[in-house]
Structures are given as C-alpha cells and as structure tokens.
Protein backbone atom coordinates (compact mmCIF):
# COMPACT_ATOMS: atom_id res chain seq x y z
CA MET A 1 -4.59 -17.06 27.53
CA SER A 2 -7.02 -15.55 30.02
CA ASP A 3 -10.79 -16.08 29.86
CA GLN A 4 -11.14 -12.35 29.13
CA ILE A 5 -8.93 -12.61 26.05
CA LYS A 6 -10.64 -15.78 24.85
CA GLU A 7 -14.02 -14.04 25.10
CA TRP A 8 -12.72 -11.01 23.19
CA HIS A 9 -11.30 -13.25 20.46
CA GLN A 10 -14.62 -15.08 20.10
CA GLN A 11 -16.59 -11.83 19.87
CA ALA A 12 -14.08 -10.32 17.44
CA ALA A 13 -14.12 -13.41 15.21
CA LYS A 14 -17.92 -13.23 15.04
CA ARG A 15 -17.72 -9.54 14.12
CA TYR A 16 -15.07 -10.15 11.43
CA ARG A 17 -17.21 -12.86 9.82
CA GLU A 18 -20.33 -10.71 9.91
CA LYS A 19 -18.48 -7.81 8.25
CA GLY A 20 -17.18 -10.11 5.52
CA TYR A 21 -13.51 -9.76 6.47
CA TRP A 22 -13.19 -13.48 7.08
CA GLN A 23 -14.64 -15.56 4.25
CA PRO A 24 -15.41 -19.29 4.74
CA LEU A 25 -12.86 -20.38 2.12
CA HIS A 26 -9.30 -21.63 2.43
CA LEU A 27 -6.71 -20.12 0.09
CA GLY A 28 -6.85 -23.12 -2.24
CA GLU A 29 -10.58 -22.53 -2.68
CA GLN A 30 -9.96 -18.81 -3.12
CA LEU A 31 -7.77 -19.57 -6.14
CA ARG A 32 -10.52 -21.79 -7.53
CA GLN A 33 -13.00 -18.93 -7.15
CA TRP A 34 -10.65 -16.42 -8.82
CA THR A 35 -10.15 -18.90 -11.67
CA GLN A 36 -13.90 -19.14 -12.22
CA ARG A 37 -14.02 -15.36 -12.60
CA HIS A 38 -10.88 -14.83 -14.68
CA GLY A 39 -10.19 -18.22 -16.29
CA ASP A 40 -8.58 -17.26 -19.60
CA ARG A 41 -6.79 -14.14 -18.39
CA ILE A 42 -3.02 -14.41 -17.86
CA ALA A 43 -2.29 -15.03 -14.19
CA LEU A 44 1.43 -15.70 -14.12
CA VAL A 45 4.50 -14.87 -16.22
CA GLU A 46 8.03 -16.18 -15.74
CA GLY A 47 10.45 -15.60 -18.58
CA GLU A 48 8.78 -16.93 -21.71
CA GLN A 49 6.26 -18.98 -19.72
CA ARG A 50 2.71 -17.60 -19.50
CA PHE A 51 -0.12 -19.27 -17.62
CA SER A 52 -3.81 -18.41 -17.59
CA TYR A 53 -5.81 -18.75 -14.39
CA ASN A 54 -7.22 -22.01 -15.78
CA GLU A 55 -3.74 -23.38 -16.48
CA LEU A 56 -2.42 -22.26 -13.09
CA ASP A 57 -5.33 -23.89 -11.28
CA GLN A 58 -4.78 -27.14 -13.17
CA ARG A 59 -1.09 -27.16 -12.26
CA VAL A 60 -1.95 -26.53 -8.61
CA ASP A 61 -4.37 -29.49 -8.68
CA ALA A 62 -1.73 -31.75 -10.24
CA MET A 63 0.85 -30.76 -7.64
CA ALA A 64 -1.63 -31.14 -4.78
CA ALA A 65 -2.53 -34.61 -6.07
CA GLY A 66 1.12 -35.61 -6.26
CA LEU A 67 1.89 -34.35 -2.76
CA HIS A 68 -1.20 -36.14 -1.43
CA ARG A 69 -0.15 -39.40 -3.09
CA LEU A 70 3.25 -38.92 -1.48
CA GLY A 71 1.59 -38.88 1.94
CA LEU A 72 1.24 -35.22 2.87
CA ARG A 73 -1.95 -34.48 4.79
CA CYS A 74 -3.89 -31.55 6.22
CA GLY A 75 -2.04 -30.09 9.21
CA ASP A 76 1.45 -31.31 8.18
CA ARG A 77 4.23 -28.73 7.99
CA VAL A 78 6.68 -28.36 5.10
CA LEU A 79 9.83 -26.26 4.65
CA LEU A 80 9.42 -24.27 1.43
CA GLN A 81 12.64 -22.72 0.12
CA LEU A 82 12.21 -21.67 -3.51
CA PRO A 83 13.13 -18.51 -5.42
CA ASN A 84 10.58 -16.41 -7.29
CA SER A 85 9.27 -18.92 -9.81
CA VAL A 86 6.20 -20.67 -11.15
CA ALA A 87 7.28 -23.58 -8.94
CA PHE A 88 6.95 -21.41 -5.83
CA VAL A 89 3.45 -20.19 -6.71
CA VAL A 90 2.17 -23.62 -7.77
CA THR A 91 3.65 -25.37 -4.75
CA ALA A 92 2.40 -22.79 -2.26
CA PHE A 93 -1.18 -22.98 -3.54
CA ALA A 94 -1.02 -26.78 -3.76
CA LEU A 95 -0.08 -26.83 -0.08
CA PHE A 96 -2.87 -24.36 0.73
CA ARG A 97 -5.32 -26.62 -1.13
CA LEU A 98 -4.26 -29.65 0.92
CA GLY A 99 -4.16 -27.76 4.20
CA VAL A 100 -0.43 -28.53 4.48
CA ILE A 101 1.34 -25.59 6.12
CA PRO A 102 4.41 -24.13 4.36
CA VAL A 103 7.18 -22.59 6.46
CA MET A 104 8.20 -19.72 4.15
CA MET A 105 11.98 -19.87 4.26
CA MET A 106 14.31 -17.37 2.64
CA MET A 107 16.86 -18.55 0.07
CA ALA A 108 19.56 -17.21 2.43
CA ASN A 109 18.55 -19.53 5.30
CA ARG A 110 21.27 -22.05 6.14
CA GLU A 111 21.94 -24.93 8.55
CA LYS A 112 21.42 -23.08 11.81
CA ASP A 113 18.04 -21.68 10.76
CA ILE A 114 16.93 -24.99 9.26
CA ASP A 115 17.79 -26.90 12.42
CA ALA A 116 15.76 -24.44 14.50
CA PHE A 117 12.75 -24.63 12.15
CA CYS A 118 12.86 -28.42 12.19
CA ALA A 119 12.96 -28.52 15.98
CA LEU A 120 10.03 -26.09 16.25
CA ALA A 121 7.72 -27.02 13.36
CA GLU A 122 8.68 -30.71 12.86
CA PRO A 123 8.20 -30.53 9.08
CA VAL A 124 7.62 -33.75 7.16
CA ALA A 125 9.17 -32.46 3.93
CA TYR A 126 11.70 -29.97 2.58
CA ILE A 127 10.91 -28.46 -0.83
CA THR A 128 13.68 -26.56 -2.59
CA THR A 129 15.65 -26.20 -5.81
CA ALA A 130 18.92 -27.86 -6.82
CA THR A 131 20.96 -24.64 -7.01
CA PHE A 132 20.36 -20.91 -6.75
CA LEU A 133 22.94 -18.18 -7.36
CA GLY A 134 25.71 -20.75 -7.19
CA PHE A 135 24.67 -22.30 -3.87
CA HIS A 136 23.81 -26.02 -3.75
CA HIS A 137 20.45 -26.20 -1.97
CA ARG A 138 20.08 -29.90 -2.78
CA SER A 139 23.06 -30.67 -0.54
CA LEU A 140 21.69 -28.40 2.20
CA ALA A 141 18.35 -30.21 2.16
CA GLU A 142 19.80 -33.72 2.00
CA LYS A 143 22.08 -33.03 4.95
CA ALA A 144 19.15 -31.64 6.90
CA GLN A 145 17.18 -34.82 6.20
CA LYS A 146 19.98 -36.89 7.74
CA ARG A 147 19.94 -34.73 10.89
CA HIS A 148 16.17 -34.61 11.38
CA ALA A 149 14.00 -37.72 11.50
CA CYS A 150 10.85 -35.65 10.93
CA LEU A 151 11.94 -34.89 7.33
CA ARG A 152 10.53 -37.89 5.49
CA TYR A 153 10.85 -36.33 2.05
CA VAL A 154 13.14 -33.95 0.18
CA LEU A 155 11.66 -32.51 -3.02
CA ILE A 156 14.02 -30.95 -5.55
CA ASP A 157 12.55 -29.23 -8.61
CA GLY A 158 9.47 -31.46 -8.73
CA THR A 159 11.24 -34.74 -7.94
CA CYS A 160 10.99 -36.27 -4.46
CA THR A 161 13.59 -38.36 -2.66
CA ASP A 162 12.24 -40.10 0.44
CA ASP A 163 14.28 -41.09 3.49
CA ARG A 164 15.31 -44.32 1.71
CA GLY A 165 16.69 -42.34 -1.25
CA VAL A 166 13.93 -43.46 -3.65
CA PRO A 167 13.13 -40.76 -6.25
CA ARG A 168 9.54 -40.08 -7.31
CA GLN A 169 8.00 -37.50 -9.65
CA VAL A 170 5.57 -35.24 -7.79
CA SER A 171 2.59 -34.50 -10.02
CA CYS A 172 -0.42 -36.59 -10.98
CA THR A 173 -4.02 -36.36 -12.14
CA ASP A 174 -5.63 -38.37 -9.33
CA ARG A 175 -7.61 -35.81 -7.28
CA ALA A 176 -8.22 -38.17 -4.36
CA PHE A 177 -7.16 -35.40 -2.02
CA ALA A 178 -10.50 -33.67 -2.64
CA ALA A 179 -12.24 -36.40 -0.63
CA ASP A 180 -9.91 -35.98 2.35
CA ALA A 181 -10.22 -33.63 5.29
CA GLN A 182 -10.04 -30.04 4.07
CA PRO A 183 -8.62 -27.11 6.02
CA ASP A 184 -11.03 -24.73 7.72
CA ALA A 185 -10.72 -21.06 6.85
CA THR A 186 -9.66 -20.35 10.44
CA ASP A 187 -6.85 -22.93 10.33
CA THR A 188 -3.22 -21.86 9.93
CA ALA A 189 -2.44 -21.46 6.24
CA VAL A 190 1.21 -20.44 6.37
CA LEU A 191 4.06 -19.91 8.82
CA LEU A 192 5.96 -16.71 8.03
CA LEU A 193 9.34 -15.84 9.50
CA SER A 194 9.74 -13.05 12.00
CA GLY A 195 13.02 -11.36 12.87
CA GLY A 196 13.30 -11.99 16.61
CA THR A 197 15.40 -10.56 19.41
CA THR A 198 16.31 -13.94 20.89
CA GLY A 199 17.96 -15.70 17.95
CA THR A 200 16.36 -17.66 15.15
CA SER A 201 13.19 -16.22 13.65
CA LYS A 202 9.90 -16.94 15.36
CA LEU A 203 7.14 -18.48 13.24
CA ILE A 204 4.05 -16.39 12.53
CA PRO A 205 0.85 -18.40 11.97
CA ARG A 206 -1.45 -16.69 9.47
CA THR A 207 -4.86 -18.26 8.87
CA HIS A 208 -6.51 -18.74 5.49
CA ALA A 209 -9.23 -16.22 6.40
CA ASP A 210 -7.03 -13.47 7.81
CA TYR A 211 -4.37 -13.77 5.11
CA ALA A 212 -6.92 -13.71 2.29
CA PHE A 213 -8.41 -10.57 3.83
CA ASN A 214 -4.93 -9.09 4.26
CA ALA A 215 -4.29 -9.50 0.51
CA ARG A 216 -7.78 -8.75 -0.78
CA ALA A 217 -8.30 -5.56 1.25
CA SER A 218 -4.79 -4.36 0.35
CA ALA A 219 -5.51 -4.90 -3.35
CA GLN A 220 -8.71 -2.89 -3.10
CA LEU A 221 -7.05 -0.03 -1.24
CA CYS A 222 -4.12 0.06 -3.69
CA GLY A 223 -6.36 0.14 -6.76
CA PHE A 224 -5.50 -3.32 -8.12
CA ASP A 225 -7.89 -4.68 -10.76
CA ALA A 226 -7.94 -7.08 -13.71
CA GLU A 227 -5.67 -4.73 -15.70
CA THR A 228 -2.97 -4.72 -13.01
CA VAL A 229 0.41 -6.20 -13.94
CA TYR A 230 2.37 -6.71 -10.72
CA LEU A 231 6.13 -7.25 -10.82
CA ALA A 232 7.16 -9.54 -7.95
CA ALA A 233 10.73 -8.26 -7.65
CA LEU A 234 11.31 -8.85 -3.93
CA PRO A 235 11.50 -12.48 -2.71
CA VAL A 236 7.89 -13.66 -2.63
CA ALA A 237 8.40 -15.73 0.51
CA HIS A 238 8.32 -12.35 2.30
CA ASN A 239 4.96 -11.07 3.53
CA PHE A 240 5.24 -7.78 1.59
CA PRO A 241 5.45 -9.18 -1.98
CA LEU A 242 3.31 -12.20 -1.12
CA ALA A 243 0.18 -10.56 0.27
CA CYS A 244 0.48 -6.75 0.66
CA PRO A 245 -1.15 -6.91 -1.91
CA GLY A 246 1.58 -8.86 -3.68
CA VAL A 247 0.99 -12.11 -5.52
CA ILE A 248 -2.14 -13.16 -3.63
CA GLY A 249 -3.71 -9.70 -3.80
CA THR A 250 -3.08 -9.48 -7.55
CA PHE A 251 -4.77 -12.84 -8.10
CA SER A 252 -7.75 -11.73 -6.00
CA ALA A 253 -8.24 -8.83 -8.45
CA GLY A 254 -7.75 -10.93 -11.60
CA GLY A 255 -4.45 -9.25 -12.49
CA THR A 256 -1.18 -10.65 -13.80
CA VAL A 257 1.91 -11.47 -11.73
CA VAL A 258 5.30 -11.16 -13.43
CA LEU A 259 8.08 -12.97 -11.58
CA ALA A 260 11.61 -11.58 -11.37
CA ARG A 261 14.40 -13.74 -10.01
CA SER A 262 16.11 -10.60 -8.70
CA PRO A 263 15.02 -7.03 -7.90
CA ALA A 264 18.15 -5.65 -9.59
CA TYR A 265 17.32 -2.95 -12.12
CA GLU A 266 19.18 -4.90 -14.84
CA GLU A 267 16.41 -7.52 -14.68
CA ALA A 268 13.48 -5.41 -13.51
CA PHE A 269 13.66 -2.57 -16.06
CA PRO A 270 13.42 -4.84 -19.15
CA LEU A 271 10.54 -6.76 -17.52
CA ILE A 272 8.65 -3.54 -16.79
CA GLU A 273 9.06 -2.48 -20.41
CA ARG A 274 8.27 -5.85 -21.99
CA GLU A 275 5.32 -6.83 -19.81
CA ARG A 276 3.96 -3.29 -19.33
CA VAL A 277 4.17 -3.63 -15.56
CA THR A 278 1.86 -1.26 -13.65
CA HIS A 279 2.72 -1.97 -10.00
CA THR A 280 5.70 -3.20 -8.00
CA ALA A 281 7.20 -3.05 -4.50
CA LEU A 282 10.71 -2.33 -3.19
CA VAL A 283 12.61 -1.69 0.03
CA PRO A 284 14.38 1.71 0.38
CA PRO A 285 17.92 0.54 -0.52
CA LEU A 286 16.64 -0.78 -3.84
CA VAL A 287 14.80 2.47 -4.51
CA THR A 288 18.16 4.23 -4.30
CA LEU A 289 19.71 1.80 -6.79
CA TRP A 290 16.80 2.11 -9.23
CA LEU A 291 16.83 5.91 -9.07
CA ASN A 292 20.58 6.09 -9.56
CA ALA A 293 20.42 3.64 -12.47
CA CYS A 294 18.01 5.96 -14.26
CA GLU A 295 20.81 8.52 -14.47
CA TRP A 296 22.65 6.40 -17.04
CA GLU A 297 19.93 4.00 -18.21
CA ARG A 298 17.03 5.14 -20.36
CA PRO A 299 14.42 2.52 -19.52
CA ASP A 300 10.84 2.74 -20.75
CA LEU A 301 8.93 2.78 -17.45
CA SER A 302 5.90 4.55 -18.87
CA SER A 303 3.52 1.75 -17.88
CA LEU A 304 4.49 1.92 -14.20
CA ALA A 305 1.68 3.54 -12.22
CA LEU A 306 2.58 2.82 -8.58
CA LEU A 307 5.72 2.01 -6.63
CA GLN A 308 5.17 0.68 -3.11
CA VAL A 309 8.04 1.12 -0.67
CA GLY A 310 8.16 -0.66 2.67
CA GLY A 311 10.40 -2.69 4.95
CA SER A 312 11.70 0.45 6.66
CA ALA A 313 10.92 4.16 6.65
CA LEU A 314 11.76 5.96 3.41
CA ASP A 315 13.89 9.08 3.65
CA PRO A 316 11.78 12.07 2.48
CA LYS A 317 14.54 13.29 0.15
CA LEU A 318 14.64 9.90 -1.53
CA ALA A 319 10.85 9.74 -1.63
CA ALA A 320 10.74 13.10 -3.43
CA ARG A 321 12.83 11.69 -6.30
CA VAL A 322 10.44 8.82 -7.13
CA ARG A 323 7.82 10.60 -9.24
CA PRO A 324 10.21 12.86 -11.21
CA THR A 325 12.62 9.99 -11.94
CA LEU A 326 10.40 6.92 -12.35
CA GLY A 327 7.28 8.76 -13.51
CA CYS A 328 4.94 6.89 -11.14
CA ARG A 329 3.10 7.52 -7.90
CA LEU A 330 4.70 6.52 -4.61
CA GLN A 331 2.97 4.65 -1.81
CA GLN A 332 4.68 4.21 1.54
CA VAL A 333 3.88 0.96 3.34
CA PHE A 334 4.52 0.23 7.00
CA GLY A 335 3.61 -3.09 8.52
CA MET A 336 4.66 -6.40 9.93
CA ALA A 337 4.27 -10.05 9.03
CA GLU A 338 2.44 -10.41 12.35
CA GLY A 339 -0.44 -8.35 10.95
CA LEU A 340 -1.02 -4.59 10.92
CA LEU A 341 -0.51 -2.86 7.57
CA CYS A 342 -0.44 0.89 7.07
CA TYR A 343 -0.54 2.58 3.66
CA THR A 344 -0.45 6.11 2.40
CA ARG A 345 -3.52 6.49 0.20
CA LEU A 346 -3.39 7.05 -3.54
CA ASP A 347 -5.09 10.44 -3.18
CA ASP A 348 -3.09 11.65 -0.16
CA PRO A 349 -1.37 15.04 -0.42
CA GLU A 350 2.29 14.87 -1.40
CA GLU A 351 3.31 16.02 2.08
CA VAL A 352 1.68 12.92 3.60
CA ILE A 353 3.17 10.54 1.03
CA LEU A 354 6.69 11.92 1.43
CA HIS A 355 6.80 12.30 5.20
CA THR A 356 4.61 9.59 6.74
CA GLN A 357 4.16 5.83 6.60
CA GLY A 358 0.39 6.00 6.19
CA ARG A 359 -2.53 4.77 8.28
CA PRO A 360 -4.08 1.37 9.02
CA LEU A 361 -5.65 -0.72 6.28
CA CYS A 362 -8.88 -1.50 8.11
CA ILE A 363 -11.22 0.56 10.30
CA ASP A 364 -11.23 -2.36 12.75
CA ASP A 365 -7.45 -2.24 13.26
CA GLU A 366 -7.26 -1.20 16.92
CA VAL A 367 -4.02 0.62 17.76
CA ARG A 368 -2.52 2.19 20.86
CA LEU A 369 0.72 4.11 21.43
CA VAL A 370 2.10 3.54 24.92
CA ASP A 371 5.09 4.55 27.01
CA GLY A 372 7.47 2.20 28.80
CA ASN A 373 4.91 1.68 31.57
CA GLY A 374 2.10 0.73 29.20
CA ARG A 375 0.28 4.07 29.54
CA ASP A 376 -1.18 5.80 26.48
CA VAL A 377 1.07 8.67 25.38
CA PRO A 378 -0.29 12.20 24.86
CA ALA A 379 -1.35 13.18 21.36
CA GLY A 380 1.60 13.92 19.10
CA GLU A 381 4.14 12.05 21.22
CA ALA A 382 5.91 8.84 20.17
CA GLY A 383 5.20 5.53 21.85
CA GLU A 384 5.36 1.80 21.26
CA LEU A 385 2.75 0.64 18.78
CA LEU A 386 0.28 -1.94 20.10
CA VAL A 387 -2.28 -3.49 17.75
CA ARG A 388 -5.06 -6.04 17.46
CA GLY A 389 -7.46 -6.57 14.58
CA PRO A 390 -8.88 -8.83 11.87
CA TYR A 391 -5.52 -9.87 10.38
CA THR A 392 -3.13 -9.51 13.34
CA ILE A 393 -2.01 -12.74 14.99
CA ARG A 394 -3.05 -13.80 18.48
CA GLY A 395 0.23 -15.58 19.22
CA TYR A 396 3.44 -16.94 17.72
CA TYR A 397 3.64 -20.61 16.78
CA ARG A 398 4.54 -22.88 19.73
CA ALA A 399 6.01 -19.98 21.71
CA GLU A 400 4.22 -19.63 25.04
CA GLU A 401 7.02 -17.73 26.77
CA GLN A 402 7.45 -15.34 23.85
CA ASN A 403 3.70 -14.79 23.67
CA ARG A 404 3.56 -13.70 27.31
CA ALA A 405 6.08 -11.00 26.48
CA SER A 406 4.68 -10.04 23.06
CA PHE A 407 0.98 -9.67 23.89
CA THR A 408 -0.81 -7.59 26.49
CA GLU A 409 -3.51 -8.87 28.82
CA GLU A 410 -6.05 -7.25 26.47
CA GLY A 411 -4.72 -9.19 23.48
CA TYR A 412 -2.76 -6.37 21.84
CA TYR A 413 0.42 -7.34 19.98
CA ARG A 414 3.47 -5.38 21.10
CA SER A 415 5.12 -4.42 17.82
CA GLY A 416 8.36 -3.06 19.26
CA ASP A 417 8.07 -0.11 16.85
CA TRP A 418 8.40 3.43 18.21
CA VAL A 419 5.78 5.47 16.35
CA ARG A 420 4.25 8.96 16.35
CA LEU A 421 0.72 9.79 15.15
CA THR A 422 0.16 12.98 13.16
CA PRO A 423 -2.98 15.10 13.72
CA GLU A 424 -4.32 13.75 10.40
CA GLY A 425 -4.05 10.16 11.67
CA ASN A 426 -0.92 9.03 9.82
CA PHE A 427 1.98 7.19 11.42
CA VAL A 428 5.57 8.36 11.44
CA VAL A 429 7.96 5.56 12.39
CA GLU A 430 10.66 6.91 14.70
CA GLY A 431 12.59 3.71 15.36
CA ARG A 432 12.48 0.32 17.07
CA ILE A 433 12.61 -0.88 20.62
CA LYS A 434 13.64 -4.38 19.66
CA ASP A 435 17.30 -5.17 19.29
CA ILE A 436 17.07 -5.85 15.56
CA ILE A 437 19.12 -4.56 12.66
CA ASN A 438 17.19 -3.96 9.44
CA ARG A 439 19.73 -4.58 6.68
CA ALA A 440 18.18 -3.94 3.25
CA GLY A 441 14.84 -5.21 4.55
CA GLU A 442 16.33 -8.37 6.10
CA LYS A 443 16.12 -8.53 9.89
CA ILE A 444 19.17 -9.50 11.98
CA ALA A 445 18.66 -10.35 15.65
CA ALA A 446 21.69 -8.95 17.46
CA PRO A 447 21.57 -11.48 20.36
CA GLU A 448 21.83 -14.39 17.90
CA ILE A 449 25.10 -13.13 16.39
CA GLU A 450 26.49 -12.01 19.75
CA THR A 451 25.93 -15.46 21.27
CA LEU A 452 27.69 -17.18 18.39
CA LEU A 453 30.66 -14.81 18.51
CA LYS A 454 31.15 -15.35 22.23
CA ALA A 455 31.97 -18.97 21.38
CA HIS A 456 34.99 -17.81 19.37
CA PRO A 457 38.19 -18.71 21.28
CA ASP A 458 39.63 -15.19 20.90
CA ILE A 459 36.44 -13.26 21.73
CA GLN A 460 35.56 -12.54 25.33
CA ASP A 461 32.43 -10.50 24.65
CA ALA A 462 30.58 -9.02 21.69
CA ALA A 463 27.88 -6.49 20.89
CA LEU A 464 26.22 -5.96 17.50
CA VAL A 465 24.78 -2.54 16.62
CA PRO A 466 23.18 -0.93 13.56
CA LEU A 467 24.84 1.91 11.67
CA PRO A 468 23.08 4.07 9.07
CA ASP A 469 24.00 3.15 5.51
CA GLU A 470 23.15 5.01 2.32
CA HIS A 471 22.56 1.85 0.30
CA LEU A 472 21.44 -0.77 2.86
CA GLY A 473 19.43 1.44 5.17
CA GLU A 474 21.36 -0.09 8.07
CA ARG A 475 24.58 -2.08 8.18
CA SER A 476 25.82 -4.16 11.11
CA CYS A 477 28.86 -3.33 13.19
CA VAL A 478 30.21 -5.70 15.82
CA PHE A 479 32.26 -4.57 18.82
CA VAL A 480 34.39 -7.31 20.39
CA MET A 481 36.70 -7.69 23.37
CA THR A 482 39.67 -9.88 22.51
CA ALA A 483 42.07 -9.64 25.49
CA GLY A 484 44.84 -8.63 23.11
CA ALA A 485 44.31 -11.27 20.42
CA THR A 486 44.63 -10.20 16.79
CA LEU A 487 41.32 -10.44 14.95
CA ASP A 488 40.09 -8.98 11.67
CA LEU A 489 36.72 -8.75 9.92
CA PRO A 490 37.31 -11.58 7.38
CA ALA A 491 38.14 -13.97 10.25
CA VAL A 492 34.97 -13.02 12.11
CA ARG A 493 32.84 -13.43 8.99
CA SER A 494 34.40 -16.81 8.17
CA PHE A 495 33.79 -18.01 11.72
CA LEU A 496 30.06 -17.22 11.45
CA LEU A 497 29.63 -18.57 7.91
CA ALA A 498 31.22 -21.85 8.98
CA ARG A 499 28.46 -22.17 11.58
CA GLY A 500 25.68 -21.92 9.01
CA VAL A 501 24.83 -18.24 9.51
CA ALA A 502 23.09 -16.59 6.54
CA ARG A 503 25.42 -14.28 4.64
CA HIS A 504 23.31 -11.15 5.24
CA LYS A 505 23.68 -11.69 9.00
CA VAL A 506 27.48 -11.54 9.16
CA PRO A 507 28.87 -8.15 10.32
CA ASP A 508 29.76 -5.43 7.85
CA GLN A 509 32.18 -3.71 10.22
CA LEU A 510 34.41 -4.74 13.13
CA GLU A 511 35.57 -2.63 16.05
CA ILE A 512 37.89 -3.81 18.85
CA ILE A 513 37.07 -2.40 22.29
CA ASP A 514 38.82 -2.59 25.67
CA PHE A 515 35.85 -1.74 27.91
CA TRP A 516 32.09 -1.30 27.49
CA PRO A 517 30.27 2.00 27.91
CA LEU A 518 27.44 1.21 30.33
CA THR A 519 23.98 2.60 31.01
CA GLY A 520 22.80 3.58 34.47
CA ALA A 521 21.36 0.09 34.82
CA GLY A 522 24.76 -1.46 34.13
CA LYS A 523 23.93 -2.69 30.62
CA ILE A 524 26.03 -2.11 27.52
CA ASP A 525 25.10 1.29 26.13
CA LYS A 526 24.58 0.47 22.45
CA ARG A 527 23.71 4.06 21.62
CA LYS A 528 27.21 5.08 22.64
CA LEU A 529 28.65 2.22 20.60
CA VAL A 530 26.80 3.49 17.55
CA ALA A 531 28.23 6.97 18.12
CA MET A 532 31.74 5.53 18.56
CA ALA A 533 31.51 3.49 15.34
CA ALA A 534 30.09 6.38 13.35
CA GLY A 535 32.75 8.74 14.67
C-alpha cells in the first residue's frame, strides 16, 4: 500500500468517526447497547422458541464464556457453518463479543472449500451442526480436523470435541472473558466469502465499526423500527440477510427476527402469516417461485410491507408483479459483500423501482465508472464500477497479489460490475466483467470448475459459461473437448462431486465441442459459446 493511500485511509477514518459512521463499539457491545434499549421486546423467533433481547444477550454471554473457557481468544479465527437458527445468531454474537473472527461458511461448502479456508485463515475451531438436509456435517468437520492441525476443536450443536476426542459442553456462567483483551471497533469482526475468478472464494474482512454502520444505516434507510418483524429466509451467513439490513440491522432498530430454515414458500408463507412479518429479502429466482405459488396458494401476506430483492438485477416484468401479487412495496438492492450497497428508496417513483438498482446508501460512498483503460466514461455510458467509502474494504484477507489487481492506486475497489448511471443518479447493472456465474444468488467461479475438469482423464479442455435461466437467473453450461471419448452430464457431475465441489457449482448443461471459437487475442470466445449453447 502506497504512502498516498495510507494517508487517504487515515484521513477518511478520521472523517468517518467524526460523522458518527464508525462508533467506538464492537458488535458484541452493540448487542449489549440494543438490549439496554429494548430488553423485554422479542428479538428472535425460531419455531416455537421466542427470545427477548435480555434472554438473547444472556445466551450470548453464556456461549462466549464457554468458548473462552475452551481457549478461544481475541484474534483467533473460527469456521462457522450453521443453518438459520438461534445457534447461528448466539454463536456469531458470542464470537463478536470475544473478538474471535468467524469465517461465514455456506452450508453447501465441502472439502475443497474447507481445505482452502483452513490454509488461508488457519482457524482454531470448526463450529457446525450434526446434519442438515440429509448431509452429515459432523463427518465433514471431523475429517477436516484430521487433515488440518490448526483445527484444535470441532463443535457440534453446542458440544465440543477437541483434537484428542474429548467432548465438552460449551456454555457456562463464568464471565472471565470480560477481563481479557477486547476487540477494537476497527478490528476485523467477520470474514465473509466472496465469489472469486481464481477458484475458491476470497475472504472479505469487515470491521466491527464498518459492519455495524452497514447494518444500522441500511435499517434507517429501509424504515426499520421497533415494530419491524424481519423474516430471515435467505441463508444468514450471506451478507444480504445478515446486515443489509438483515439480522443485525433489525436488532439495531429493536425489531424482531424470525428465522426460516428455507426460503421456500411452503415454509415462508405460514411464517409471514403467523408472525405478522413486515419485511423480508429474496433473490430474483425465489421471487418467481413466490409469485407463481400465489396463483394456487391463498396465503395471508397482509402484514408484509416491504420485499427487498438483490443478488442480481431483477427483470422489470417480474418486478412489476410484486405489488399486485404480494401486496407489498418492492425495494431493489444492489451491492457486494466487499462494501457498497445501493437501494431504491421507499418513496421512489415506480419507474425507478422497476427499472433501476437504486443509488448508494451513504453520501460518502465515492463511486466512479471507468472504461477498460481506467478513464471515466461519459455521462449515460456504462463502465466498470469503482468504489471507496465508509463500509467498503481496503483489501482482501491475506491476498496481496489479488489486492494489487482489485484496488486502484487511489484506493478504489474494482467491483467487476458493468454499470450505467441514469440522469437521476440511479444505477442500472448491465452485467459483469468477472468470469463468474450467478446461479440463484450463489457465485460460481468458472476457472475453478474448468481447472478441476481438465484433470478428468477424458477431458482435454473445458470452458464454463452462464446461460440465462427463468428460475435460477443463470445456469452453468460446460463445453468440453474429449478427443472422441464418450462423456455425459451425470459423469461430469459425479466427477466434481467426488472432489468435494459444492452441489450448486456442478454444471447444469454439457456440450461437447471439437474446436474453440477464439477472440482476436486468441482467447476462447465465451460469448460465442453462450450463443452456441442457447441456440
């Protein structure tokens, strides 16, 4: 990092503190403060379980005490792989309170991802559940512990097994951790996953101060208050349902979080009716399913005031169906786990809500749209979105080479998104520069799958491309050269699954090709491949 960038960061940090964006509290203290304001109000609902802010805070203390007694200390890293549950919320805030940094894994992550995270973050513990949707996560974690010496502990559903196989219950009343070193608000609070173009996800370090602002400012903009009932339908390990405003933003406003194990309408509709849910968030493919379900279901969604949709651009025709069918307002959300968030406003004209992805959350979000040579594009033209601001990262975790490519000399983050700015100041997302497939909101790095497939004995070369899909947004199609060998899609999928690839990353379609269409630079022309597959 150059001296110029360091100086800018120092001046910006001073400005963010002075403006109140960055508060001098870590997220564990933030929960304590919210509890003091809203103690007896219901904070969290899962099934028949209901917890007030006071009860949630006490559970977080007990978990933090147990983890501290186990040996976890400020600055340690931990793999956290839990579904939407009270256990996830309690564990995450217990880690925040200790200054232990959770790596927010998805339930779909498997051996290959885990090995990469262990090599990069060197976690001391792996926290997960015994089983989820028929998959045995206990076995996954225990095998990982045998492969990685850094994993001293595996915690399954509140019980810990150390590297000697000795089980221990994790929860106690001894608050000795309070006397230990506490995290600073500018320390890393959480490591989020980023879909990368070079293989396994990069790790995104979000600080206590910037992530609290991310959630708090989002809650204020989206009209969250103490009467808000937020349905966490998407996996809360994702940035969107965790802090945009999500779980953390709802708590900051004194509202109630209702946890759904699945975003499927069969579970979500009864929860909305029973708990009188007012706000929730979805990705576009799920919006389609919810809208279609309303054609034969007759759910009572009268309490629902706002549906947020993000993860990818929402088709205007689909957007236009939200209010007539679900009876609630729509808010389009465009952002990234690395920072910048854009929202359509609650009072925007319908034209803006249906056809744009909104504008930045904060007046101090600095954005540029540039061409391939880094020059600002003329007004109204599309360019790559560059950003820096009070909640955008300054670098990926332990990734010097990636940081040189992902950040400009002025400290702007290169988003890889191709965006156009309307005269009114709203963004329209045109596409992506990065070689990533966005399948139902889950990112698939094409180079990762291509590299694995090239190791197949019958595959000489491979290229993975996105195809438009009515339900998934995008599906993946792999083109392979086989030199005459017989190969079908099930065989390709089995080959990848056997190597620990997450199920959502395996190709949806297979095409055999004899020669590659090439660009003028001699590279595989993936645009032509897309046209060939679609044709």
